[in-house]
Amino acid sequence: MVRPEPTPAPEAVTVAVIVRDRSPYAMFDAIEVTATTARLRGPLLLELGERLRLRVARGATAVEVGARVTAVQRGDGHADPVTDLRFDDEAAGSLRPIVS
């Protein structure tokens, strides 16, 4: 009996912080990304209301968008902090092809 080939998993969405005059820095793991919000885990504890410029990508498709920190959950010593972001309103259209 021939087994069917497994269906490949879709490429993961990645999120990198853009710092002026430097390459985007992927310091976070994307837990969940939608066209309007993102939940990220990483070693950096951000502050509520902090603004970031991000590069959101899937495969060869990438966009740069602005975002604001809306919630922060501190790490417990065993896990990194979790940060919730809301993308700027104009980002939704450009993010849909990446997150759908």
C-alpha atoms as a PDB file:
ATOM      1  CA  MET A   1       0.000   0.000   0.000  1.00  0.00           C
ATOM      2  CA  VAL A   2       1.331   3.420  -0.949  1.00  0.00           C
ATOM      3  CA  ARG A   3       1.011   6.138   1.658  1.00  0.00           C
ATOM      4  CA  PRO A   4       0.168   9.648   0.502  1.00  0.00           C
ATOM      5  CA  GLU A   5       2.782  12.333   0.870  1.00  0.00           C
ATOM      6  CA  PRO A   6       2.208  14.469   3.961  1.00  0.00           C
ATOM      7  CA  THR A   7       0.828  17.928   3.374  1.00  0.00           C
ATOM      8  CA  PRO A   8       3.554  20.453   4.186  1.00  0.00           C
ATOM      9  CA  ALA A   9       2.790  22.848   7.033  1.00  0.00           C
ATOM     10  CA  PRO A  10       2.282  26.444   5.969  1.00  0.00           C
ATOM     11  CA  GLU A  11       5.258  28.705   6.420  1.00  0.00           C
ATOM     12  CA  ALA A  12       5.314  30.442   9.741  1.00  0.00           C
ATOM     13  CA  VAL A  13       4.706  34.141  10.145  1.00  0.00           C
ATOM     14  CA  THR A  14       7.794  35.905  11.499  1.00  0.00           C
ATOM     15  CA  VAL A  15       8.007  39.280  13.230  1.00  0.00           C
ATOM     16  CA  ALA A  16      11.192  41.346  13.473  1.00  0.00           C
ATOM     17  CA  VAL A  17      11.753  44.718  15.114  1.00  0.00           C
ATOM     18  CA  ILE A  18      13.139  47.439  12.861  1.00  0.00           C
ATOM     19  CA  VAL A  19      15.745  49.643  14.477  1.00  0.00           C
ATOM     20  CA  ARG A  20      16.989  52.633  12.508  1.00  0.00           C
ATOM     21  CA  ASP A  21      20.191  51.960  10.524  1.00  0.00           C
ATOM     22  CA  ARG A  22      20.202  48.228  11.380  1.00  0.00           C
ATOM     23  CA  SER A  23      18.836  45.012   9.926  1.00  0.00           C
ATOM     24  CA  PRO A  24      15.453  43.872  11.312  1.00  0.00           C
ATOM     25  CA  TYR A  25      16.008  41.930  14.522  1.00  0.00           C
ATOM     26  CA  ALA A  26      13.866  38.822  15.104  1.00  0.00           C
ATOM     27  CA  MET A  27      13.812  38.891  18.903  1.00  0.00           C
ATOM     28  CA  PHE A  28      10.287  37.493  19.241  1.00  0.00           C
ATOM     29  CA  ASP A  29       8.483  34.234  18.498  1.00  0.00           C
ATOM     30  CA  ALA A  30       5.071  34.889  16.975  1.00  0.00           C
ATOM     31  CA  ILE A  31       2.415  33.088  19.031  1.00  0.00           C
ATOM     32  CA  GLU A  32      -0.483  34.545  17.046  1.00  0.00           C
ATOM     33  CA  VAL A  33      -0.643  37.180  14.308  1.00  0.00           C
ATOM     34  CA  THR A  34      -3.800  38.603  12.730  1.00  0.00           C
ATOM     35  CA  ALA A  35      -4.343  41.558  10.416  1.00  0.00           C
ATOM     36  CA  THR A  36      -4.868  43.808  13.458  1.00  0.00           C
ATOM     37  CA  THR A  37      -2.977  42.277  16.396  1.00  0.00           C
ATOM     38  CA  ALA A  38      -0.007  40.135  17.358  1.00  0.00           C
ATOM     39  CA  ARG A  39       0.941  38.136  20.434  1.00  0.00           C
ATOM     40  CA  LEU A  40       4.699  37.688  20.715  1.00  0.00           C
ATOM     41  CA  ARG A  41       7.029  35.888  23.133  1.00  0.00           C
ATOM     42  CA  GLY A  42      10.600  37.019  23.638  1.00  0.00           C
ATOM     43  CA  PRO A  43      13.288  38.044  26.108  1.00  0.00           C
ATOM     44  CA  LEU A  44      12.565  41.775  25.926  1.00  0.00           C
ATOM     45  CA  LEU A  45      10.012  43.259  28.334  1.00  0.00           C
ATOM     46  CA  LEU A  46       8.316  46.126  26.514  1.00  0.00           C
ATOM     47  CA  GLU A  47       6.246  48.891  28.105  1.00  0.00           C
ATOM     48  CA  LEU A  48       2.531  49.531  27.669  1.00  0.00           C
ATOM     49  CA  GLY A  49       1.954  52.122  24.964  1.00  0.00           C
ATOM     50  CA  GLU A  50       5.459  51.695  23.486  1.00  0.00           C
ATOM     51  CA  ARG A  51       5.550  52.148  19.698  1.00  0.00           C
ATOM     52  CA  LEU A  52       7.503  49.806  17.427  1.00  0.00           C
ATOM     53  CA  ARG A  53       8.210  49.466  13.720  1.00  0.00           C
ATOM     54  CA  LEU A  54       7.987  45.794  12.684  1.00  0.00           C
ATOM     55  CA  ARG A  55       8.733  43.634   9.661  1.00  0.00           C
ATOM     56  CA  VAL A  56       6.050  40.943   9.389  1.00  0.00           C
ATOM     57  CA  ALA A  57       6.787  38.170   6.883  1.00  0.00           C
ATOM     58  CA  ARG A  58       5.669  34.801   5.587  1.00  0.00           C
ATOM     59  CA  GLY A  59       7.914  33.189   3.013  1.00  0.00           C
ATOM     60  CA  ALA A  60       9.013  35.779   0.456  1.00  0.00           C
ATOM     61  CA  THR A  61       6.225  38.239   1.339  1.00  0.00           C
ATOM     62  CA  ALA A  62       7.057  40.919   3.923  1.00  0.00           C
ATOM     63  CA  VAL A  63       5.669  44.278   5.011  1.00  0.00           C
ATOM     64  CA  GLU A  64       6.794  46.961   7.432  1.00  0.00           C
ATOM     65  CA  VAL A  65       4.125  48.199   9.827  1.00  0.00           C
ATOM     66  CA  GLY A  66       3.788  50.280  12.960  1.00  0.00           C
ATOM     67  CA  ALA A  67       2.394  48.845  16.178  1.00  0.00           C
ATOM     68  CA  ARG A  68       1.697  49.787  19.795  1.00  0.00           C
ATOM     69  CA  VAL A  69       2.094  47.574  22.893  1.00  0.00           C
ATOM     70  CA  THR A  70      -1.343  46.942  24.426  1.00  0.00           C
ATOM     71  CA  ALA A  71      -0.532  44.333  27.104  1.00  0.00           C
ATOM     72  CA  VAL A  72       2.495  42.708  28.699  1.00  0.00           C
ATOM     73  CA  GLN A  73       2.641  39.487  30.669  1.00  0.00           C
ATOM     74  CA  ARG A  74       5.892  39.123  32.603  1.00  0.00           C
ATOM     75  CA  GLY A  75       7.852  35.899  32.331  1.00  0.00           C
ATOM     76  CA  ASP A  76       7.921  33.626  35.346  1.00  0.00           C
ATOM     77  CA  GLY A  77      11.614  32.781  35.303  1.00  0.00           C
ATOM     78  CA  HIS A  78      10.977  29.721  33.115  1.00  0.00           C
ATOM     79  CA  ALA A  79       9.254  31.454  30.208  1.00  0.00           C
ATOM     80  CA  ASP A  80       9.896  34.722  28.382  1.00  0.00           C
ATOM     81  CA  PRO A  81       7.443  37.620  28.636  1.00  0.00           C
ATOM     82  CA  VAL A  82       4.465  37.736  26.275  1.00  0.00           C
ATOM     83  CA  THR A  83       3.632  41.029  24.553  1.00  0.00           C
ATOM     84  CA  ASP A  84       0.354  41.922  22.840  1.00  0.00           C
ATOM     85  CA  LEU A  85       0.476  44.493  20.038  1.00  0.00           C
ATOM     86  CA  ARG A  86      -2.105  46.350  17.974  1.00  0.00           C
ATOM     87  CA  PHE A  87      -0.991  47.208  14.457  1.00  0.00           C
ATOM     88  CA  ASP A  88      -1.625  50.703  13.130  1.00  0.00           C
ATOM     89  CA  ASP A  89      -4.987  50.939  11.343  1.00  0.00           C
ATOM     90  CA  GLU A  90      -3.457  51.308   7.873  1.00  0.00           C
ATOM     91  CA  ALA A  91      -1.514  48.032   8.312  1.00  0.00           C
ATOM     92  CA  ALA A  92      -4.534  45.700   8.089  1.00  0.00           C
ATOM     93  CA  GLY A  93      -4.741  45.686   4.282  1.00  0.00           C
ATOM     94  CA  SER A  94      -1.070  44.914   3.771  1.00  0.00           C
ATOM     95  CA  LEU A  95      -1.052  42.222   6.487  1.00  0.00           C
ATOM     96  CA  ARG A  96      -4.052  40.207   5.226  1.00  0.00           C
ATOM     97  CA  PRO A  97      -2.102  38.319   2.524  1.00  0.00           C
ATOM     98  CA  ILE A  98       0.520  37.313   5.092  1.00  0.00           C
ATOM     99  CA  VAL A  99      -1.747  36.221   7.944  1.00  0.00           C
ATOM    100  CA  SER A 100      -4.649  34.624   6.028  1.00  0.00           C
END
